[in-house]
Amino acid sequence: MSRIAIVTDSTGAVPAEFLTKYPIFVAPQVLIWGEQTFEDGVDIRPNEFYARLKTSKTMPTTSQVTPGNFQKIFSALLEKDYQILAILISEKLSGTLASAIQAKEMFPGAPIELVDSNTTSLAMSFQVFTVAEAMEQGANLVECKQLAEQARKHVGVCFAVDTLEFLHRGGRIGGGSRFLGTALNIKPILEVVDGRVEAIERVRTRKKSLNRLIELVQERIAGRTPVRLGALFTDIPVEAEELLSDASQQIECKQSLLAEVSPVIGTHAGPGTVGLAFMAGL
């Protein structure tokens, strides 16, 4: 019987232990910095990225996983008799899904299924983990795809940024222009809504923004169980650890994770970003 492999992309920030536990394969997004091109999380790690960002006179840009890279990944997995389920960043945030569709067309009739996660970061990874656990219990490819599509309704991610300039410059924010140019001590809070990043609130002071993130996630969970919870961050691990600790004391969860977002996500979110992702009721 054929095995199933999950392919996701590097914006999910899948912790290393899950890559060894399950057949999860990560397609790297592309970071372009001046004349250099990097594979996200492969050629440049987050700590290297933020160190360079602090002193660089030029800002990086990003590009989606190429069809050729997906082709290589799919080909290698098919040769090993894997069936493939790809769970990828929202098509409203990236052209990654379009690249995967092009690559799939190169393997007519092959057992390859594609799912738009309608989100990114740990919210996408929670969908991946849910499917991986079902695979371990014997779910087939059709059942895994159905579960991934169902899981989209159970996840969310809210995050606070120091500035909206990075998201605005990269064209990754909708409806948030009214928050641009706010006072320095005003911290915008954003959420992935229907596959897009939306600015939803402004909060005074960093501490209040972190407390508000927990409140928002509690509202979104609305008493549903079980809960997976994750804190994500760019270059501020201590704040993320404190946020996850505080959130875990207020929200009972079966899984809690801490994840540093990839350089590609960091390019758009900017330094000083921290957030909470969740899956509830599945």
C-alpha atoms as a PDB file:
ATOM      1  CA  MET A   1       0.000   0.000   0.000  1.00  0.00           C
ATOM      2  CA  SER A   2       1.299   3.436  -0.908  1.00  0.00           C
ATOM      3  CA  ARG A   3       2.369   5.743   1.844  1.00  0.00           C
ATOM      4  CA  ILE A   4       1.261   9.371   2.094  1.00  0.00           C
ATOM      5  CA  ALA A   5       3.654  12.308   2.314  1.00  0.00           C
ATOM      6  CA  ILE A   6       2.656  15.838   3.266  1.00  0.00           C
ATOM      7  CA  VAL A   7       4.308  18.692   1.421  1.00  0.00           C
ATOM      8  CA  THR A   8       4.047  22.155   2.925  1.00  0.00           C
ATOM      9  CA  ASP A   9       6.005  25.377   2.484  1.00  0.00           C
ATOM     10  CA  SER A  10       8.523  27.138   4.670  1.00  0.00           C
ATOM     11  CA  THR A  11       6.147  29.840   5.917  1.00  0.00           C
ATOM     12  CA  GLY A  12       4.652  27.188   8.211  1.00  0.00           C
ATOM     13  CA  ALA A  13       7.745  27.156  10.450  1.00  0.00           C
ATOM     14  CA  VAL A  14       7.321  23.433  11.142  1.00  0.00           C
ATOM     15  CA  PRO A  15       9.417  22.528  14.213  1.00  0.00           C
ATOM     16  CA  ALA A  16      12.239  20.092  13.453  1.00  0.00           C
ATOM     17  CA  GLU A  17      10.853  17.320  15.666  1.00  0.00           C
ATOM     18  CA  PHE A  18       7.786  16.988  13.459  1.00  0.00           C
ATOM     19  CA  LEU A  19       9.928  16.641  10.336  1.00  0.00           C
ATOM     20  CA  THR A  20      11.603  13.592  11.854  1.00  0.00           C
ATOM     21  CA  LYS A  21       8.420  12.122  13.357  1.00  0.00           C
ATOM     22  CA  TYR A  22       6.206  12.341  10.250  1.00  0.00           C
ATOM     23  CA  PRO A  23       6.743  12.251   6.458  1.00  0.00           C
ATOM     24  CA  ILE A  24       6.475  16.037   6.161  1.00  0.00           C
ATOM     25  CA  PHE A  25       8.528  17.742   3.451  1.00  0.00           C
ATOM     26  CA  VAL A  26       9.045  21.492   3.276  1.00  0.00           C
ATOM     27  CA  ALA A  27       9.273  23.436   0.015  1.00  0.00           C
ATOM     28  CA  PRO A  28      11.362  26.564   0.627  1.00  0.00           C
ATOM     29  CA  GLN A  29      10.067  29.981  -0.359  1.00  0.00           C
ATOM     30  CA  VAL A  30      12.521  32.344  -2.033  1.00  0.00           C
ATOM     31  CA  LEU A  31      14.212  35.381  -0.485  1.00  0.00           C
ATOM     32  CA  ILE A  32      15.836  37.906  -2.822  1.00  0.00           C
ATOM     33  CA  TRP A  33      18.324  40.338  -1.322  1.00  0.00           C
ATOM     34  CA  GLY A  34      20.148  42.559  -3.759  1.00  0.00           C
ATOM     35  CA  GLU A  35      22.002  40.271  -6.155  1.00  0.00           C
ATOM     36  CA  GLN A  36      21.633  37.233  -3.889  1.00  0.00           C
ATOM     37  CA  THR A  37      18.846  34.641  -3.857  1.00  0.00           C
ATOM     38  CA  PHE A  38      18.251  32.393  -0.868  1.00  0.00           C
ATOM     39  CA  GLU A  39      16.021  29.418  -0.163  1.00  0.00           C
ATOM     40  CA  ASP A  40      13.984  30.285   2.911  1.00  0.00           C
ATOM     41  CA  GLY A  41      15.315  28.554   5.998  1.00  0.00           C
ATOM     42  CA  VAL A  42      17.884  26.616   3.953  1.00  0.00           C
ATOM     43  CA  ASP A  43      20.463  29.112   2.706  1.00  0.00           C
ATOM     44  CA  ILE A  44      19.595  31.719   5.330  1.00  0.00           C
ATOM     45  CA  ARG A  45      18.426  31.088   8.879  1.00  0.00           C
ATOM     46  CA  PRO A  46      16.279  33.499  10.902  1.00  0.00           C
ATOM     47  CA  ASN A  47      19.106  34.692  13.163  1.00  0.00           C
ATOM     48  CA  GLU A  48      21.282  35.461  10.127  1.00  0.00           C
ATOM     49  CA  PHE A  49      18.383  37.217   8.447  1.00  0.00           C
ATOM     50  CA  TYR A  50      17.595  39.607  11.326  1.00  0.00           C
ATOM     51  CA  ALA A  51      21.263  40.368  11.990  1.00  0.00           C
ATOM     52  CA  ARG A  52      21.672  41.413   8.367  1.00  0.00           C
ATOM     53  CA  LEU A  53      18.360  43.291   8.301  1.00  0.00           C
ATOM     54  CA  LYS A  54      19.545  45.614  11.078  1.00  0.00           C
ATOM     55  CA  THR A  55      22.477  46.925   9.029  1.00  0.00           C
ATOM     56  CA  SER A  56      21.467  46.405   5.405  1.00  0.00           C
ATOM     57  CA  LYS A  57      20.957  49.449   3.180  1.00  0.00           C
ATOM     58  CA  THR A  58      18.754  47.413   0.846  1.00  0.00           C
ATOM     59  CA  MET A  59      15.604  45.578   1.851  1.00  0.00           C
ATOM     60  CA  PRO A  60      14.878  41.986   0.811  1.00  0.00           C
ATOM     61  CA  THR A  61      11.944  40.888  -1.312  1.00  0.00           C
ATOM     62  CA  THR A  62      10.314  37.488  -1.648  1.00  0.00           C
ATOM     63  CA  SER A  63       9.060  35.089  -4.272  1.00  0.00           C
ATOM     64  CA  GLN A  64       7.033  31.893  -4.107  1.00  0.00           C
ATOM     65  CA  VAL A  65       8.341  28.360  -4.357  1.00  0.00           C
ATOM     66  CA  THR A  66       9.098  27.726  -8.021  1.00  0.00           C
ATOM     67  CA  PRO A  67       7.231  25.113 -10.081  1.00  0.00           C
ATOM     68  CA  GLY A  68      10.606  23.485 -10.698  1.00  0.00           C
ATOM     69  CA  ASN A  69      11.236  23.026  -6.999  1.00  0.00           C
ATOM     70  CA  PHE A  70       7.804  21.473  -6.512  1.00  0.00           C
ATOM     71  CA  GLN A  71       8.501  19.238  -9.496  1.00  0.00           C
ATOM     72  CA  LYS A  72      11.695  17.955  -7.862  1.00  0.00           C
ATOM     73  CA  ILE A  73       9.943  17.297  -4.555  1.00  0.00           C
ATOM     74  CA  PHE A  74       6.969  15.548  -6.179  1.00  0.00           C
ATOM     75  CA  SER A  75       9.218  13.456  -8.431  1.00  0.00           C
ATOM     76  CA  ALA A  76      11.400  12.259  -5.546  1.00  0.00           C
ATOM     77  CA  LEU A  77       8.367  11.295  -3.453  1.00  0.00           C
ATOM     78  CA  LEU A  78       6.557   9.531  -6.301  1.00  0.00           C
ATOM     79  CA  GLU A  79       9.685   7.492  -7.005  1.00  0.00           C
ATOM     80  CA  LYS A  80       9.514   6.290  -3.396  1.00  0.00           C
ATOM     81  CA  ASP A  81       5.878   5.231  -3.911  1.00  0.00           C
ATOM     82  CA  TYR A  82       4.404   8.074  -1.857  1.00  0.00           C
ATOM     83  CA  GLN A  83       1.013   9.576  -2.456  1.00  0.00           C
ATOM     84  CA  ILE A  84       1.220  13.326  -1.945  1.00  0.00           C
ATOM     85  CA  LEU A  85      -0.925  15.860  -0.119  1.00  0.00           C
ATOM     86  CA  ALA A  86       0.342  19.437  -0.340  1.00  0.00           C
ATOM     87  CA  ILE A  87      -0.993  21.915   2.246  1.00  0.00           C
ATOM     88  CA  LEU A  88       0.191  25.385   1.303  1.00  0.00           C
ATOM     89  CA  ILE A  89       0.056  29.067   2.228  1.00  0.00           C
ATOM     90  CA  SER A  90      -3.104  30.967   1.295  1.00  0.00           C
ATOM     91  CA  GLU A  91      -3.257  31.754  -2.412  1.00  0.00           C
ATOM     92  CA  LYS A  92      -4.344  35.285  -1.395  1.00  0.00           C
ATOM     93  CA  LEU A  93      -0.924  35.801   0.191  1.00  0.00           C
ATOM     94  CA  SER A  94       1.345  34.002  -2.282  1.00  0.00           C
ATOM     95  CA  GLY A  95       1.547  32.396  -5.697  1.00  0.00           C
ATOM     96  CA  THR A  96       2.814  29.177  -4.098  1.00  0.00           C
ATOM     97  CA  LEU A  97      -0.335  27.173  -4.824  1.00  0.00           C
ATOM     98  CA  ALA A  98      -0.204  28.236  -8.474  1.00  0.00           C
ATOM     99  CA  SER A  99       3.367  26.908  -8.670  1.00  0.00           C
ATOM    100  CA  ALA A 100       2.250  23.606  -7.149  1.00  0.00           C
ATOM    101  CA  ILE A 101      -0.594  23.343  -9.676  1.00  0.00           C
ATOM    102  CA  GLN A 102       1.894  23.813 -12.524  1.00  0.00           C
ATOM    103  CA  ALA A 103       4.146  21.140 -11.052  1.00  0.00           C
ATOM    104  CA  LYS A 104       1.261  18.695 -10.575  1.00  0.00           C
ATOM    105  CA  GLU A 105       0.379  19.039 -14.264  1.00  0.00           C
ATOM    106  CA  MET A 106       3.794  17.574 -15.066  1.00  0.00           C
ATOM    107  CA  PHE A 107       2.666  14.266 -13.480  1.00  0.00           C
ATOM    108  CA  PRO A 108      -0.666  13.427 -15.148  1.00  0.00           C
ATOM    109  CA  GLY A 109      -2.601  10.804 -13.235  1.00  0.00           C
ATOM    110  CA  ALA A 110      -0.230  10.850 -10.271  1.00  0.00           C
ATOM    111  CA  PRO A 111      -1.698  10.692  -6.733  1.00  0.00           C
ATOM    112  CA  ILE A 112      -1.092  14.354  -5.881  1.00  0.00           C
ATOM    113  CA  GLU A 113      -3.688  16.448  -4.045  1.00  0.00           C
ATOM    114  CA  LEU A 114      -3.367  20.160  -3.271  1.00  0.00           C
ATOM    115  CA  VAL A 115      -5.030  22.114  -0.460  1.00  0.00           C
ATOM    116  CA  ASP A 116      -5.047  25.872   0.113  1.00  0.00           C
ATOM    117  CA  SER A 117      -4.622  26.250   3.894  1.00  0.00           C
ATOM    118  CA  ASN A 118      -6.230  29.717   3.675  1.00  0.00           C
ATOM    119  CA  THR A 119      -3.659  30.870   6.221  1.00  0.00           C
ATOM    120  CA  THR A 120       0.062  30.595   7.020  1.00  0.00           C
ATOM    121  CA  SER A 121       2.577  30.131   9.839  1.00  0.00           C
ATOM    122  CA  LEU A 122       1.660  27.801  12.711  1.00  0.00           C
ATOM    123  CA  ALA A 123      -2.029  27.971  11.807  1.00  0.00           C
ATOM    124  CA  MET A 124      -1.090  26.135   8.616  1.00  0.00           C
ATOM    125  CA  SER A 125       1.219  23.769  10.469  1.00  0.00           C
ATOM    126  CA  PHE A 126      -1.569  22.780  12.859  1.00  0.00           C
ATOM    127  CA  GLN A 127      -3.520  21.618   9.808  1.00  0.00           C
ATOM    128  CA  VAL A 128      -0.461  19.623   8.725  1.00  0.00           C
ATOM    129  CA  PHE A 129      -0.053  17.994  12.151  1.00  0.00           C
ATOM    130  CA  THR A 130      -3.734  17.027  12.296  1.00  0.00           C
ATOM    131  CA  VAL A 131      -3.479  15.285   8.948  1.00  0.00           C
ATOM    132  CA  ALA A 132      -0.179  13.623   9.902  1.00  0.00           C
ATOM    133  CA  GLU A 133      -1.794  12.131  13.001  1.00  0.00           C
ATOM    134  CA  ALA A 134      -4.696  10.828  10.899  1.00  0.00           C
ATOM    135  CA  MET A 135      -2.223   9.278   8.451  1.00  0.00           C
ATOM    136  CA  GLU A 136      -0.594   7.472  11.346  1.00  0.00           C
ATOM    137  CA  GLN A 137      -4.007   6.020  12.212  1.00  0.00           C
ATOM    138  CA  GLY A 138      -4.458   4.717   8.657  1.00  0.00           C
ATOM    139  CA  ALA A 139      -6.383   7.494   6.876  1.00  0.00           C
ATOM    140  CA  ASN A 140      -6.143   7.327   3.090  1.00  0.00           C
ATOM    141  CA  LEU A 141      -5.360  10.189   0.707  1.00  0.00           C
ATOM    142  CA  VAL A 142      -8.994  11.151   0.119  1.00  0.00           C
ATOM    143  CA  GLU A 143      -9.698  11.182   3.846  1.00  0.00           C
ATOM    144  CA  CYS A 144      -6.562  13.215   4.531  1.00  0.00           C
ATOM    145  CA  LYS A 145      -7.524  15.836   1.965  1.00  0.00           C
ATOM    146  CA  GLN A 146     -11.039  16.082   3.403  1.00  0.00           C
ATOM    147  CA  LEU A 147      -9.587  16.485   6.891  1.00  0.00           C
ATOM    148  CA  ALA A 148      -7.210  19.220   5.715  1.00  0.00           C
ATOM    149  CA  GLU A 149     -10.101  21.099   4.132  1.00  0.00           C
ATOM    150  CA  GLN A 150     -12.159  20.704   7.299  1.00  0.00           C
ATOM    151  CA  ALA A 151      -9.250  21.881   9.460  1.00  0.00           C
ATOM    152  CA  ARG A 152      -9.208  25.274   7.714  1.00  0.00           C
ATOM    153  CA  LYS A 153     -12.367  26.183   9.645  1.00  0.00           C
ATOM    154  CA  HIS A 154     -10.748  25.485  12.999  1.00  0.00           C
ATOM    155  CA  VAL A 155      -7.576  27.582  12.868  1.00  0.00           C
ATOM    156  CA  GLY A 156      -6.603  31.204  13.264  1.00  0.00           C
ATOM    157  CA  VAL A 157      -3.652  33.479  13.870  1.00  0.00           C
ATOM    158  CA  CYS A 158      -3.464  36.929  15.459  1.00  0.00           C
ATOM    159  CA  PHE A 159      -0.270  38.926  15.782  1.00  0.00           C
ATOM    160  CA  ALA A 160       1.102  42.286  16.860  1.00  0.00           C
ATOM    161  CA  VAL A 161       3.676  44.232  14.855  1.00  0.00           C
ATOM    162  CA  ASP A 162       5.828  47.250  15.623  1.00  0.00           C
ATOM    163  CA  THR A 163       4.900  48.837  12.300  1.00  0.00           C
ATOM    164  CA  LEU A 164       2.726  48.103   9.292  1.00  0.00           C
ATOM    165  CA  GLU A 165       5.323  49.463   6.895  1.00  0.00           C
ATOM    166  CA  PHE A 166       6.791  46.042   6.037  1.00  0.00           C
ATOM    167  CA  LEU A 167       3.395  44.495   5.274  1.00  0.00           C
ATOM    168  CA  HIS A 168       2.294  47.573   3.364  1.00  0.00           C
ATOM    169  CA  ARG A 169       5.451  47.679   1.267  1.00  0.00           C
ATOM    170  CA  GLY A 170       5.109  44.011   0.369  1.00  0.00           C
ATOM    171  CA  GLY A 171       1.442  44.364  -0.568  1.00  0.00           C
ATOM    172  CA  ARG A 172       0.465  41.733   2.013  1.00  0.00           C
ATOM    173  CA  ILE A 173      -2.106  43.706   3.946  1.00  0.00           C
ATOM    174  CA  GLY A 174      -5.702  44.504   3.147  1.00  0.00           C
ATOM    175  CA  GLY A 175      -7.821  47.175   4.813  1.00  0.00           C
ATOM    176  CA  GLY A 176      -4.991  48.291   7.069  1.00  0.00           C
ATOM    177  CA  SER A 177      -3.834  51.481   5.388  1.00  0.00           C
ATOM    178  CA  ARG A 178      -5.860  53.526   7.875  1.00  0.00           C
ATOM    179  CA  PHE A 179      -3.465  52.335  10.588  1.00  0.00           C
ATOM    180  CA  LEU A 180      -0.295  53.427   8.786  1.00  0.00           C
ATOM    181  CA  GLY A 181       1.734  56.249  10.281  1.00  0.00           C
ATOM    182  CA  THR A 182       0.316  55.818  13.779  1.00  0.00           C
ATOM    183  CA  ALA A 183       2.162  57.006  16.862  1.00  0.00           C
ATOM    184  CA  LEU A 184       5.185  55.002  17.915  1.00  0.00           C
ATOM    185  CA  ASN A 185       3.547  53.639  21.068  1.00  0.00           C
ATOM    186  CA  ILE A 186       0.483  52.371  19.157  1.00  0.00           C
ATOM    187  CA  LYS A 187       0.801  48.677  18.334  1.00  0.00           C
ATOM    188  CA  PRO A 188      -1.314  47.382  15.445  1.00  0.00           C
ATOM    189  CA  ILE A 189      -2.926  43.959  15.902  1.00  0.00           C
ATOM    190  CA  LEU A 190      -3.553  41.907  12.789  1.00  0.00           C
ATOM    191  CA  GLU A 191      -5.319  38.695  11.930  1.00  0.00           C
ATOM    192  CA  VAL A 192      -5.428  36.337   8.981  1.00  0.00           C
ATOM    193  CA  VAL A 193      -9.054  36.623   7.867  1.00  0.00           C
ATOM    194  CA  ASP A 194     -10.332  34.545   4.941  1.00  0.00           C
ATOM    195  CA  GLY A 195      -6.779  34.030   3.737  1.00  0.00           C
ATOM    196  CA  ARG A 196      -5.738  37.687   3.931  1.00  0.00           C
ATOM    197  CA  VAL A 197      -3.872  39.736   6.532  1.00  0.00           C
ATOM    198  CA  GLU A 198      -6.177  42.362   8.012  1.00  0.00           C
ATOM    199  CA  ALA A 199      -5.367  45.047  10.590  1.00  0.00           C
ATOM    200  CA  ILE A 200      -8.135  44.815  13.160  1.00  0.00           C
ATOM    201  CA  GLU A 201      -7.159  46.941  16.175  1.00  0.00           C
ATOM    202  CA  ARG A 202      -4.681  49.430  17.584  1.00  0.00           C
ATOM    203  CA  VAL A 203      -3.543  49.029  21.172  1.00  0.00           C
ATOM    204  CA  ARG A 204      -1.438  51.344  23.318  1.00  0.00           C
ATOM    205  CA  THR A 205       1.790  49.807  24.642  1.00  0.00           C
ATOM    206  CA  ARG A 206       3.408  46.480  23.971  1.00  0.00           C
ATOM    207  CA  LYS A 207       2.120  44.814  27.132  1.00  0.00           C
ATOM    208  CA  LYS A 208      -1.488  45.651  26.300  1.00  0.00           C
ATOM    209  CA  SER A 209      -1.044  44.302  22.781  1.00  0.00           C
ATOM    210  CA  LEU A 210       0.155  40.938  24.108  1.00  0.00           C
ATOM    211  CA  ASN A 211      -2.723  40.721  26.562  1.00  0.00           C
ATOM    212  CA  ARG A 212      -5.132  41.591  23.778  1.00  0.00           C
ATOM    213  CA  LEU A 213      -3.757  38.776  21.613  1.00  0.00           C
ATOM    214  CA  ILE A 214      -4.697  36.285  24.323  1.00  0.00           C
ATOM    215  CA  GLU A 215      -8.167  37.791  24.644  1.00  0.00           C
ATOM    216  CA  LEU A 216      -8.733  37.628  20.896  1.00  0.00           C
ATOM    217  CA  VAL A 217      -7.658  33.992  20.696  1.00  0.00           C
ATOM    218  CA  GLN A 218      -9.941  33.122  23.609  1.00  0.00           C
ATOM    219  CA  GLU A 219     -12.811  34.800  21.742  1.00  0.00           C
ATOM    220  CA  ARG A 220     -12.009  32.898  18.550  1.00  0.00           C
ATOM    221  CA  ILE A 221     -11.734  29.555  20.343  1.00  0.00           C
ATOM    222  CA  ALA A 222     -15.112  30.177  21.995  1.00  0.00           C
ATOM    223  CA  GLY A 223     -14.837  27.234  24.373  1.00  0.00           C
ATOM    224  CA  ARG A 224     -14.102  24.656  21.668  1.00  0.00           C
ATOM    225  CA  THR A 225     -11.794  21.767  22.525  1.00  0.00           C
ATOM    226  CA  PRO A 226      -9.267  20.325  22.043  1.00  0.00           C
ATOM    227  CA  VAL A 227      -6.930  23.281  21.501  1.00  0.00           C
ATOM    228  CA  ARG A 228      -3.515  23.512  19.881  1.00  0.00           C
ATOM    229  CA  LEU A 229      -1.714  26.752  20.679  1.00  0.00           C
ATOM    230  CA  GLY A 230       1.456  28.286  19.314  1.00  0.00           C
ATOM    231  CA  ALA A 231       3.410  31.486  19.789  1.00  0.00           C
ATOM    232  CA  LEU A 232       5.285  32.811  16.778  1.00  0.00           C
ATOM    233  CA  PHE A 233       7.905  35.527  16.657  1.00  0.00           C
ATOM    234  CA  THR A 234      10.444  37.273  14.486  1.00  0.00           C
ATOM    235  CA  ASP A 235      13.409  38.437  16.583  1.00  0.00           C
ATOM    236  CA  ILE A 236      11.944  38.568  20.100  1.00  0.00           C
ATOM    237  CA  PRO A 237      11.939  35.042  21.554  1.00  0.00           C
ATOM    238  CA  VAL A 238      11.671  36.138  25.190  1.00  0.00           C
ATOM    239  CA  GLU A 239       8.411  38.008  24.597  1.00  0.00           C
ATOM    240  CA  ALA A 240       7.035  35.049  22.655  1.00  0.00           C
ATOM    241  CA  GLU A 241       7.943  32.642  25.463  1.00  0.00           C
ATOM    242  CA  GLU A 242       6.183  34.883  27.980  1.00  0.00           C
ATOM    243  CA  LEU A 243       3.160  35.194  25.702  1.00  0.00           C
ATOM    244  CA  LEU A 244       2.898  31.416  25.282  1.00  0.00           C
ATOM    245  CA  SER A 245       3.286  30.883  29.026  1.00  0.00           C
ATOM    246  CA  ASP A 246       0.560  33.417  29.848  1.00  0.00           C
ATOM    247  CA  ALA A 247      -1.749  32.068  27.157  1.00  0.00           C
ATOM    248  CA  SER A 248      -1.249  28.453  28.258  1.00  0.00           C
ATOM    249  CA  GLN A 249      -2.262  29.382  31.811  1.00  0.00           C
ATOM    250  CA  GLN A 250      -5.524  30.849  30.541  1.00  0.00           C
ATOM    251  CA  ILE A 251      -6.292  28.400  27.717  1.00  0.00           C
ATOM    252  CA  GLU A 252      -6.195  24.653  28.304  1.00  0.00           C
ATOM    253  CA  CYS A 253      -4.425  23.102  25.338  1.00  0.00           C
ATOM    254  CA  LYS A 254      -3.314  19.639  24.282  1.00  0.00           C
ATOM    255  CA  GLN A 255      -0.317  21.037  22.404  1.00  0.00           C
ATOM    256  CA  SER A 256       1.708  24.235  22.747  1.00  0.00           C
ATOM    257  CA  LEU A 257       4.531  25.271  20.460  1.00  0.00           C
ATOM    258  CA  LEU A 258       7.006  28.102  20.088  1.00  0.00           C
ATOM    259  CA  ALA A 259       8.188  28.888  16.559  1.00  0.00           C
ATOM    260  CA  GLU A 260      10.436  31.506  15.010  1.00  0.00           C
ATOM    261  CA  VAL A 261       8.920  32.600  11.723  1.00  0.00           C
ATOM    262  CA  SER A 262      10.890  32.108   8.544  1.00  0.00           C
ATOM    263  CA  PRO A 263      12.882  34.915   6.882  1.00  0.00           C
ATOM    264  CA  VAL A 264      10.251  35.196   4.141  1.00  0.00           C
ATOM    265  CA  ILE A 265       7.510  35.847   6.705  1.00  0.00           C
ATOM    266  CA  GLY A 266       9.886  38.126   8.598  1.00  0.00           C
ATOM    267  CA  THR A 267      10.416  40.183   5.453  1.00  0.00           C
ATOM    268  CA  HIS A 268       6.728  41.110   5.463  1.00  0.00           C
ATOM    269  CA  ALA A 269       6.008  41.183   9.194  1.00  0.00           C
ATOM    270  CA  GLY A 270       9.171  43.040  10.167  1.00  0.00           C
ATOM    271  CA  PRO A 271      11.215  42.965  13.389  1.00  0.00           C
ATOM    272  CA  GLY A 272       9.342  43.040  16.684  1.00  0.00           C
ATOM    273  CA  THR A 273       6.480  40.811  15.600  1.00  0.00           C
ATOM    274  CA  VAL A 274       4.872  38.286  17.945  1.00  0.00           C
ATOM    275  CA  GLY A 275       1.633  36.362  17.617  1.00  0.00           C
ATOM    276  CA  LEU A 276      -0.579  33.484  18.649  1.00  0.00           C
ATOM    277  CA  ALA A 277      -1.876  30.745  16.357  1.00  0.00           C
ATOM    278  CA  PHE A 278      -4.479  28.183  17.337  1.00  0.00           C
ATOM    279  CA  MET A 279      -6.538  25.220  16.249  1.00  0.00           C
ATOM    280  CA  ALA A 280      -9.700  24.521  18.213  1.00  0.00           C
ATOM    281  CA  GLY A 281     -12.462  21.946  18.088  1.00  0.00           C
ATOM    282  CA  LEU A 282     -10.780  19.315  15.927  1.00  0.00           C
END
